[in-house]
Every structure is written in C-alpha cells, then in structure tokens.
Amino acid sequence: MLSLKFSGVQSFSFAKIQSLRGKPKGLHSKFNFSKVFFGLFIIFFCFFLQTSSYAETGDGGYAGSFFLLGLEGRAVGMGQAFVGVADNAGGALWNPAGTVQLQNRIVGASYRKMFLDRGMGWVCYAQPVKGEAAISVSWINVGVGDVVGRDFEGNPTEEIKNYQNAVFFNFARKIHEKIFLGLNIKYIQYNLADISAYGVGFDFGAMGKPTPDLRIGVCAQNVGMKYSWNSLKYWSKYGEDGTDTKENFPLNFKFGGSYLFFQKRLLLAFELDKNVKQDVRGFFGAEYNVIERIALRSGYNDGALTFGAGIKHSFNKVLFHFDYAYIFSAVEENPDHLFSMQVKF
C-alpha cells in the first residue's frame, strides 16, 4: 500500500483516505421516489377534481365506447387507474405489457350490472411463460335487453337484438429486467337488429419498473380498429335503401404510474387518458391491504367515485380472489355493481 511520510507527521495511506470518505450514496438516498410520486398524485388529483364539473362526459356515441366502462373488480374499484398496475388476469385490458408480471396460471370472470337492463360479462385465461413472457385470451360480451323495434308510424314491430362481443389475444414479454412490452390483437363483433359488423385492431403497451415499488405504464389502444357496416339486406325488407359504411374506433392513449407505500400495504395509482374524440381524462385509485387477505379500494373515475373490496382464500394450493366494485355514475342516478373472481393455480 502506497503511503506518505513527512517530518513530524504520522504515516498516511490512501486506504485511510477511502475510509474517511465513506461509501458513496446511492440514487435512492438522493432521490426519494415515494415523496415525489405522492406529491404528483395529490397535484393531479386536485386538478382533475376541480375541473371535472366543467367537463362533458362524452363516453358514448362512438365505436368501442363500452371499453371505457371497465370489467375487472380490482381495477374498477381503484377508479380504473390501472395502466401502471396491470398485474392480474384483467390487466391486459388496460396495458397489454402488464401480464408479464403474472406468477401463476389464472382463470378470471366478472359481471357488471348496469342501469336500463344493460349487462357486461368477461371471461379470461392467462399464464406466464418461462418467467419472461405471458399469454392470455379474454372474451367480453355486452348486451341490452327488451329493446323493441318500431315502424315509421311508431307501432311496435319486433324485439331488436343489441349485443357486442370482443375477443382479446394477449402476448407480453420482458426485454429487460425492468422493461416490459405487450400486444393485444382484438376481434370485435356488433349485432344490431340483425345487422352485423366486424373489426380487427391492436393495442400496444409498455411498462417500466425503475424500483421495486414504482411502475410506469403507457398504452396505445384501437390501432387500425374499425367497424364495417352493411344494412342493405336489412332495409330491403321494408322497401328502403341501406348503406355500406365504415366506422373508425378512436385511438386512445394511456399514461400512468403506481407506487407501493408502508411496506407494500398501500398502493396509489394515477392514469391520464386521451383519445381523438375527448379531452384528457383523469383516473386515480388506492388500495389498502387491511390484512394479508383483505383489501379495501377507492378511486376517482373521470368525475365518478368508485369503491371496492377484495378477499383472498386458498384451498389445496389454489388461491381464490373475490372482488366487488361499486361505481357511482356521472350521468345516471343508479350506481353500477361489478362482481369478479379470479382463480390462481
């Protein structure tokens, strides 16, 4: 070891210099992610809470608007602020990259009861692949009952069928230990009064995990998606001319994040959405694990409040998740109720 000696001065080595300097501080000691995330969460939440009363709902009137309603109990209970979470069987509906976080095979299902005799159902299967990828397939059904058709004079004619089906094929993969990419291939079918339309499109998603507690997600939805309608055959029964038209789905972009606090017992999440037919929409959510098997949730869904709860129970190495979400409507008096279940094995 190199050392220096001077007259009347004790020998001094470079090893001693290093010991006096101490260990270099890491990034986490210089930059507190939890405080920054919490501050941004409060700022965005207050901003959207203040401006929500001036915003128009704008959730209907275009193709694929039913996707905005949400179909998985945990995500909906958290106000659908899920693009930066997306870590369960339903995660692909918000961010196709999120399913790579799965550790087990999962079967999921849900039902959402809505006002005016409307209902939505969802079934899903997902599984990890070699610890570095994941695949899933989902089916969504949306229907309205007791719709009666009428002629030009207002007389009832027949009961009109009005339902939609969507099938999602999802693939996600890690390209780095902290970076995930994902893809949804979507096939959607719409039947209205014996007129059918079909469409195929894509969702692209990415997720980053800079720290074990912080996740950031982005997603582009409905890429290339459109309906092709042909009503010539239907209207010919009434001696009228039909049409042959195409209806584009609006591109929708998502950005958001989530952070775990208090030894991972509290999860806070936010999400910002923007599509070509709406202004920016804000979503905020929280989940608190009261005990290991019980979670309470609350959220803000673009002007509407949500509440939820979840319970887990294991049986012979099979884990059951039961989730419930209560959704206040921004435009209707009656709330929606969503029940979902996931089975991990």
Protein backbone atom coordinates (compact mmCIF):
# COMPACT_ATOMS: atom_id res chain seq x y z
CA MET A 1 0.00 0.00 0.00
CA LEU A 2 1.36 3.40 -1.01
CA SER A 3 1.96 5.71 1.94
CA LEU A 4 3.48 9.11 2.51
CA LYS A 5 5.80 10.23 5.35
CA PHE A 6 6.72 13.75 6.28
CA SER A 7 8.91 15.04 9.03
CA GLY A 8 6.92 15.18 12.25
CA VAL A 9 3.81 13.83 10.53
CA GLN A 10 2.34 10.37 11.04
CA SER A 11 2.37 8.00 8.05
CA PHE A 12 -0.76 8.45 5.92
CA SER A 13 -2.12 5.90 3.44
CA PHE A 14 -4.67 6.18 0.65
CA ALA A 15 -6.65 3.36 2.30
CA LYS A 16 -7.23 5.70 5.24
CA ILE A 17 -8.50 8.38 2.86
CA GLN A 18 -11.10 5.99 1.46
CA SER A 19 -12.24 5.01 4.96
CA LEU A 20 -12.72 8.66 5.88
CA ARG A 21 -14.77 9.33 2.75
CA GLY A 22 -17.15 6.50 3.48
CA LYS A 23 -19.36 4.67 0.98
CA PRO A 24 -20.86 6.65 -1.88
CA LYS A 25 -24.54 7.38 -1.53
CA GLY A 26 -26.89 5.61 -3.92
CA LEU A 27 -29.62 7.05 -6.07
CA HIS A 28 -32.39 6.22 -3.60
CA SER A 29 -30.78 8.31 -0.83
CA LYS A 30 -30.54 11.32 -3.11
CA PHE A 31 -33.95 10.96 -4.78
CA ASN A 32 -36.98 9.92 -2.73
CA PHE A 33 -39.34 8.29 -5.25
CA SER A 34 -42.14 7.82 -2.72
CA LYS A 35 -42.36 11.52 -1.79
CA VAL A 36 -42.20 12.66 -5.41
CA PHE A 37 -44.87 10.19 -6.52
CA PHE A 38 -47.16 11.11 -3.63
CA GLY A 39 -46.77 14.80 -4.42
CA LEU A 40 -47.59 14.33 -8.09
CA PHE A 41 -50.54 12.12 -7.16
CA ILE A 42 -52.06 14.87 -4.96
CA ILE A 43 -51.42 17.62 -7.54
CA PHE A 44 -53.04 15.73 -10.42
CA PHE A 45 -55.94 14.58 -8.26
CA CYS A 46 -56.76 18.12 -7.08
CA PHE A 47 -56.51 19.47 -10.62
CA PHE A 48 -58.95 16.93 -12.09
CA LEU A 49 -61.29 17.18 -9.11
CA GLN A 50 -61.53 20.94 -9.67
CA THR A 51 -62.08 20.72 -13.43
CA SER A 52 -64.36 17.66 -13.60
CA SER A 53 -67.54 19.68 -13.08
CA TYR A 54 -66.85 21.59 -16.31
CA ALA A 55 -66.07 18.55 -18.43
CA GLU A 56 -68.54 16.78 -20.67
CA THR A 57 -68.97 13.06 -20.22
CA GLY A 58 -68.55 12.15 -23.89
CA ASP A 59 -68.31 8.43 -23.17
CA GLY A 60 -70.86 7.29 -25.74
CA GLY A 61 -71.64 7.89 -29.37
CA TYR A 62 -68.62 6.26 -30.98
CA ALA A 63 -67.37 2.77 -31.73
CA GLY A 64 -65.96 0.79 -28.84
CA SER A 65 -67.12 3.18 -26.12
CA PHE A 66 -68.13 0.21 -23.95
CA PHE A 67 -64.40 -0.49 -23.38
CA LEU A 68 -64.28 2.62 -21.18
CA LEU A 69 -66.63 1.12 -18.59
CA GLY A 70 -64.24 -1.41 -17.08
CA LEU A 71 -64.78 -5.08 -16.35
CA GLU A 72 -62.38 -6.25 -13.63
CA GLY A 73 -63.31 -5.69 -10.00
CA ARG A 74 -59.94 -4.66 -8.61
CA ALA A 75 -59.18 -2.17 -11.39
CA VAL A 76 -62.66 -0.64 -11.39
CA GLY A 77 -62.67 -0.32 -7.59
CA MET A 78 -59.45 1.70 -7.97
CA GLY A 79 -61.10 4.10 -10.43
CA GLN A 80 -59.56 2.29 -13.44
CA ALA A 81 -56.17 3.89 -12.72
CA PHE A 82 -54.59 0.64 -13.86
CA VAL A 83 -52.23 1.22 -16.80
CA GLY A 84 -49.36 1.43 -14.30
CA VAL A 85 -50.51 -1.64 -12.34
CA ALA A 86 -52.00 -4.25 -14.75
CA ASP A 87 -50.67 -7.19 -12.74
CA ASN A 88 -53.63 -9.60 -12.81
CA ALA A 89 -55.67 -11.53 -15.38
CA GLY A 90 -57.58 -8.41 -16.43
CA GLY A 91 -54.50 -6.23 -16.70
CA ALA A 92 -54.27 -6.67 -20.48
CA LEU A 93 -57.48 -4.61 -20.86
CA TRP A 94 -55.53 -1.58 -19.56
CA ASN A 95 -51.95 -2.40 -20.54
CA PRO A 96 -51.01 -5.50 -22.59
CA ALA A 97 -47.46 -5.39 -21.16
CA GLY A 98 -48.66 -5.91 -17.60
CA THR A 99 -49.44 -9.63 -17.85
CA VAL A 100 -45.71 -10.47 -17.85
CA GLN A 101 -45.86 -9.84 -14.08
CA LEU A 102 -48.02 -12.96 -13.54
CA GLN A 103 -46.51 -15.74 -11.45
CA ASN A 104 -49.34 -18.29 -11.80
CA ARG A 105 -51.94 -19.50 -14.25
CA ILE A 106 -55.20 -17.59 -13.74
CA VAL A 107 -58.83 -18.03 -14.76
CA GLY A 108 -60.95 -14.91 -14.31
CA ALA A 109 -64.59 -13.91 -14.80
CA SER A 110 -66.79 -10.92 -13.97
CA TYR A 111 -70.26 -9.47 -14.46
CA ARG A 112 -71.28 -5.81 -14.35
CA LYS A 113 -74.94 -4.96 -13.81
CA MET A 114 -75.93 -1.56 -15.17
CA PHE A 115 -78.94 0.73 -15.44
CA LEU A 116 -81.57 0.25 -18.20
CA ASP A 117 -81.24 -3.55 -18.27
CA ARG A 118 -77.68 -3.48 -19.55
CA GLY A 119 -75.04 -6.01 -18.63
CA MET A 120 -71.39 -6.79 -19.35
CA GLY A 121 -69.56 -10.07 -18.87
CA TRP A 122 -65.88 -11.03 -19.06
CA VAL A 123 -64.01 -14.35 -19.05
CA CYS A 124 -60.21 -14.74 -19.22
CA TYR A 125 -57.39 -17.24 -19.05
CA ALA A 126 -53.76 -16.13 -18.53
CA GLN A 127 -50.45 -17.82 -17.79
CA PRO A 128 -46.75 -16.96 -17.52
CA VAL A 129 -44.27 -18.46 -19.98
CA LYS A 130 -40.81 -19.43 -18.67
CA GLY A 131 -40.73 -16.49 -16.28
CA GLU A 132 -40.00 -13.98 -19.04
CA ALA A 133 -43.27 -13.78 -21.01
CA ALA A 134 -47.03 -14.27 -20.64
CA ILE A 135 -50.07 -15.03 -22.79
CA SER A 136 -53.78 -14.56 -22.21
CA VAL A 137 -57.12 -14.73 -24.02
CA SER A 138 -60.25 -12.82 -23.00
CA TRP A 139 -63.87 -12.73 -24.12
CA ILE A 140 -66.18 -9.79 -23.44
CA ASN A 141 -69.95 -9.71 -24.01
CA VAL A 142 -72.08 -6.58 -23.79
CA GLY A 143 -75.84 -6.69 -24.25
CA VAL A 144 -79.05 -4.68 -23.86
CA GLY A 145 -82.37 -6.45 -23.28
CA ASP A 146 -86.01 -5.56 -24.00
CA VAL A 147 -85.32 -3.30 -27.00
CA VAL A 148 -88.48 -3.08 -29.12
CA GLY A 149 -88.36 -2.01 -32.77
CA ARG A 150 -90.97 0.31 -34.24
CA ASP A 151 -92.06 1.21 -37.74
CA PHE A 152 -92.19 4.71 -39.20
CA GLU A 153 -95.62 5.26 -37.60
CA GLY A 154 -94.40 4.30 -34.15
CA ASN A 155 -96.03 0.88 -34.00
CA PRO A 156 -94.03 -1.92 -32.29
CA THR A 157 -92.66 -4.49 -34.72
CA GLU A 158 -90.21 -6.92 -33.11
CA GLU A 159 -87.65 -7.27 -30.33
CA ILE A 160 -84.31 -5.96 -31.54
CA LYS A 161 -81.09 -7.76 -30.71
CA ASN A 162 -78.36 -5.45 -29.49
CA TYR A 163 -75.11 -7.04 -28.32
CA GLN A 164 -71.36 -6.89 -28.83
CA ASN A 165 -68.61 -9.49 -28.47
CA ALA A 166 -64.88 -8.91 -28.23
CA VAL A 167 -62.03 -11.42 -28.12
CA PHE A 168 -58.53 -10.38 -26.99
CA PHE A 169 -55.35 -12.34 -27.66
CA ASN A 170 -52.52 -11.01 -25.49
CA PHE A 171 -48.76 -11.53 -25.51
CA ALA A 172 -46.26 -9.80 -23.21
CA ARG A 173 -42.51 -10.17 -22.80
CA LYS A 174 -39.63 -8.80 -20.76
CA ILE A 175 -36.98 -7.15 -22.91
CA HIS A 176 -35.08 -6.17 -19.77
CA GLU A 177 -35.50 -6.99 -16.09
CA LYS A 178 -37.19 -3.60 -15.65
CA ILE A 179 -38.85 -3.06 -19.05
CA PHE A 180 -41.86 -4.99 -20.45
CA LEU A 181 -43.65 -4.83 -23.80
CA GLY A 182 -47.05 -6.20 -24.76
CA LEU A 183 -49.52 -6.62 -27.63
CA ASN A 184 -53.28 -7.23 -27.83
CA ILE A 185 -54.93 -8.50 -31.01
CA LYS A 186 -58.64 -7.67 -30.82
CA TYR A 187 -61.58 -9.06 -32.76
CA ILE A 188 -64.92 -7.32 -32.18
CA GLN A 189 -68.38 -8.17 -33.46
CA TYR A 190 -71.50 -6.00 -33.16
CA ASN A 191 -75.08 -7.16 -33.85
CA LEU A 192 -77.86 -4.59 -34.00
CA ALA A 193 -81.30 -5.51 -35.39
CA ASP A 194 -79.83 -8.42 -37.41
CA ILE A 195 -77.16 -6.13 -38.89
CA SER A 196 -73.66 -7.36 -38.05
CA ALA A 197 -70.37 -5.50 -38.14
CA TYR A 198 -66.87 -6.82 -37.54
CA GLY A 199 -63.48 -5.31 -36.85
CA VAL A 200 -59.88 -6.22 -36.03
CA GLY A 201 -57.36 -3.98 -34.29
CA PHE A 202 -54.40 -3.80 -31.93
CA ASP A 203 -53.26 -2.43 -28.57
CA PHE A 204 -49.59 -1.76 -27.84
CA GLY A 205 -48.29 -1.33 -24.31
CA ALA A 206 -45.07 -0.83 -22.35
CA MET A 207 -44.22 -0.83 -18.68
CA GLY A 208 -41.13 0.22 -16.75
CA LYS A 209 -40.17 -0.65 -13.18
CA PRO A 210 -37.35 1.71 -12.11
CA THR A 211 -37.60 0.50 -8.50
CA PRO A 212 -39.33 -2.47 -6.86
CA ASP A 213 -42.17 -0.19 -5.69
CA LEU A 214 -42.57 2.11 -8.71
CA ARG A 215 -44.23 1.17 -12.02
CA ILE A 216 -44.87 3.38 -15.05
CA GLY A 217 -47.11 2.31 -17.94
CA VAL A 218 -48.08 3.59 -21.39
CA CYS A 219 -50.53 2.16 -23.91
CA ALA A 220 -51.98 2.92 -27.36
CA GLN A 221 -55.37 1.31 -27.97
CA ASN A 222 -57.60 0.67 -31.00
CA VAL A 223 -54.82 0.93 -33.56
CA GLY A 224 -56.32 0.18 -37.00
CA MET A 225 -59.70 -0.70 -35.48
CA LYS A 226 -62.92 -0.08 -37.43
CA TYR A 227 -66.40 -1.50 -37.97
CA SER A 228 -67.66 -2.35 -41.45
CA TRP A 229 -71.47 -1.95 -41.59
CA ASN A 230 -73.78 -3.14 -44.38
CA SER A 231 -77.53 -2.59 -43.85
CA LEU A 232 -78.69 -3.20 -47.44
CA LYS A 233 -80.22 -6.62 -46.69
CA TYR A 234 -82.00 -5.46 -43.53
CA TRP A 235 -83.66 -2.36 -45.01
CA SER A 236 -84.64 -4.16 -48.21
CA LYS A 237 -87.31 -5.99 -46.14
CA TYR A 238 -89.02 -2.63 -45.64
CA GLY A 239 -88.53 -1.38 -49.19
CA GLU A 240 -85.83 1.05 -48.14
CA ASP A 241 -82.25 1.59 -49.22
CA GLY A 242 -79.50 0.62 -46.79
CA THR A 243 -75.94 1.82 -46.51
CA ASP A 244 -72.43 0.40 -46.62
CA THR A 245 -70.26 2.36 -44.22
CA LYS A 246 -67.14 2.08 -42.08
CA GLU A 247 -66.90 3.36 -38.51
CA ASN A 248 -63.46 4.05 -37.06
CA PHE A 249 -62.58 3.45 -33.43
CA PRO A 250 -60.86 6.49 -31.90
CA LEU A 251 -57.21 5.99 -30.99
CA ASN A 252 -56.83 6.04 -27.22
CA PHE A 253 -53.57 6.78 -25.38
CA LYS A 254 -52.89 5.95 -21.73
CA PHE A 255 -50.14 7.05 -19.38
CA GLY A 256 -49.89 6.38 -15.66
CA GLY A 257 -47.97 5.06 -12.71
CA SER A 258 -48.29 3.40 -9.34
CA TYR A 259 -46.27 3.26 -6.12
CA LEU A 260 -46.31 1.00 -3.06
CA PHE A 261 -46.10 2.60 0.41
CA PHE A 262 -45.94 1.34 4.02
CA GLN A 263 -44.21 -1.99 3.45
CA LYS A 264 -46.26 -2.55 0.29
CA ARG A 265 -49.60 -2.37 2.11
CA LEU A 266 -50.83 0.82 0.35
CA LEU A 267 -50.92 1.15 -3.45
CA LEU A 268 -51.55 4.56 -5.03
CA ALA A 269 -52.08 4.88 -8.79
CA PHE A 270 -52.94 7.52 -11.36
CA GLU A 271 -53.71 7.44 -15.07
CA LEU A 272 -54.28 10.00 -17.83
CA ASP A 273 -56.22 9.05 -20.98
CA LYS A 274 -56.57 10.93 -24.26
CA ASN A 275 -58.39 9.88 -27.40
CA VAL A 276 -59.08 11.79 -30.58
CA LYS A 277 -62.72 12.49 -29.59
CA GLN A 278 -62.25 13.55 -25.95
CA ASP A 279 -60.22 15.85 -23.76
CA VAL A 280 -57.70 14.42 -21.29
CA ARG A 281 -59.41 12.28 -18.67
CA GLY A 282 -58.00 11.62 -15.20
CA PHE A 283 -58.19 8.48 -13.06
CA PHE A 284 -56.90 7.95 -9.51
CA GLY A 285 -57.03 4.96 -7.24
CA ALA A 286 -55.91 3.50 -3.93
CA GLU A 287 -55.79 0.01 -2.49
CA TYR A 288 -55.02 -0.75 1.15
CA ASN A 289 -54.39 -4.27 2.44
CA VAL A 290 -56.01 -4.27 5.86
CA ILE A 291 -54.63 -7.74 6.44
CA GLU A 292 -52.93 -10.11 4.04
CA ARG A 293 -56.20 -11.49 2.63
CA ILE A 294 -58.49 -8.43 2.70
CA ALA A 295 -58.11 -5.23 0.65
CA LEU A 296 -60.16 -2.03 0.57
CA ARG A 297 -60.21 0.20 -2.51
CA SER A 298 -61.37 3.61 -3.64
CA GLY A 299 -60.99 5.64 -6.81
CA TYR A 300 -61.88 8.61 -8.95
CA ASN A 301 -63.00 7.70 -12.46
CA ASP A 302 -63.17 10.86 -14.59
CA GLY A 303 -65.77 12.54 -12.40
CA ALA A 304 -67.30 9.44 -10.78
CA LEU A 305 -66.32 7.93 -7.44
CA THR A 306 -65.72 4.21 -7.02
CA PHE A 307 -65.36 1.93 -4.03
CA GLY A 308 -64.43 -1.70 -3.75
CA ALA A 309 -63.15 -4.56 -1.68
CA GLY A 310 -61.37 -7.84 -2.26
CA ILE A 311 -60.85 -11.03 -0.32
CA LYS A 312 -58.47 -13.95 -0.95
CA HIS A 313 -58.83 -17.54 0.20
CA SER A 314 -56.61 -20.54 -0.54
CA PHE A 315 -57.72 -24.15 -0.82
CA ASN A 316 -55.38 -27.04 -1.71
CA LYS A 317 -52.75 -24.76 -3.30
CA VAL A 318 -55.45 -22.94 -5.29
CA LEU A 319 -55.92 -19.24 -4.50
CA PHE A 320 -59.35 -17.63 -4.97
CA HIS A 321 -59.78 -13.87 -5.38
CA PHE A 322 -63.25 -12.35 -4.94
CA ASP A 323 -63.64 -8.67 -5.82
CA TYR A 324 -66.53 -6.21 -5.73
CA ALA A 325 -66.75 -2.66 -7.08
CA TYR A 326 -69.43 -0.01 -6.52
CA ILE A 327 -69.47 2.67 -9.21
CA PHE A 328 -71.29 5.97 -8.90
CA SER A 329 -72.45 7.23 -12.29
CA ALA A 330 -71.56 10.72 -13.51
CA VAL A 331 -74.74 10.90 -15.65
CA GLU A 332 -77.24 8.47 -14.07
CA GLU A 333 -78.84 8.23 -10.63
CA ASN A 334 -78.37 4.49 -10.17
CA PRO A 335 -74.88 3.07 -9.46
CA ASP A 336 -73.31 0.05 -11.16
CA HIS A 337 -72.29 -3.11 -9.35
CA LEU A 338 -69.39 -5.25 -10.53
CA PHE A 339 -68.55 -8.72 -9.26
CA SER A 340 -65.44 -10.58 -10.33
CA MET A 341 -63.46 -13.67 -9.39
CA GLN A 342 -60.00 -14.94 -10.27
CA VAL A 343 -58.55 -18.37 -9.54
CA LYS A 344 -54.76 -18.83 -9.39
CA PHE A 345 -53.26 -22.30 -9.70
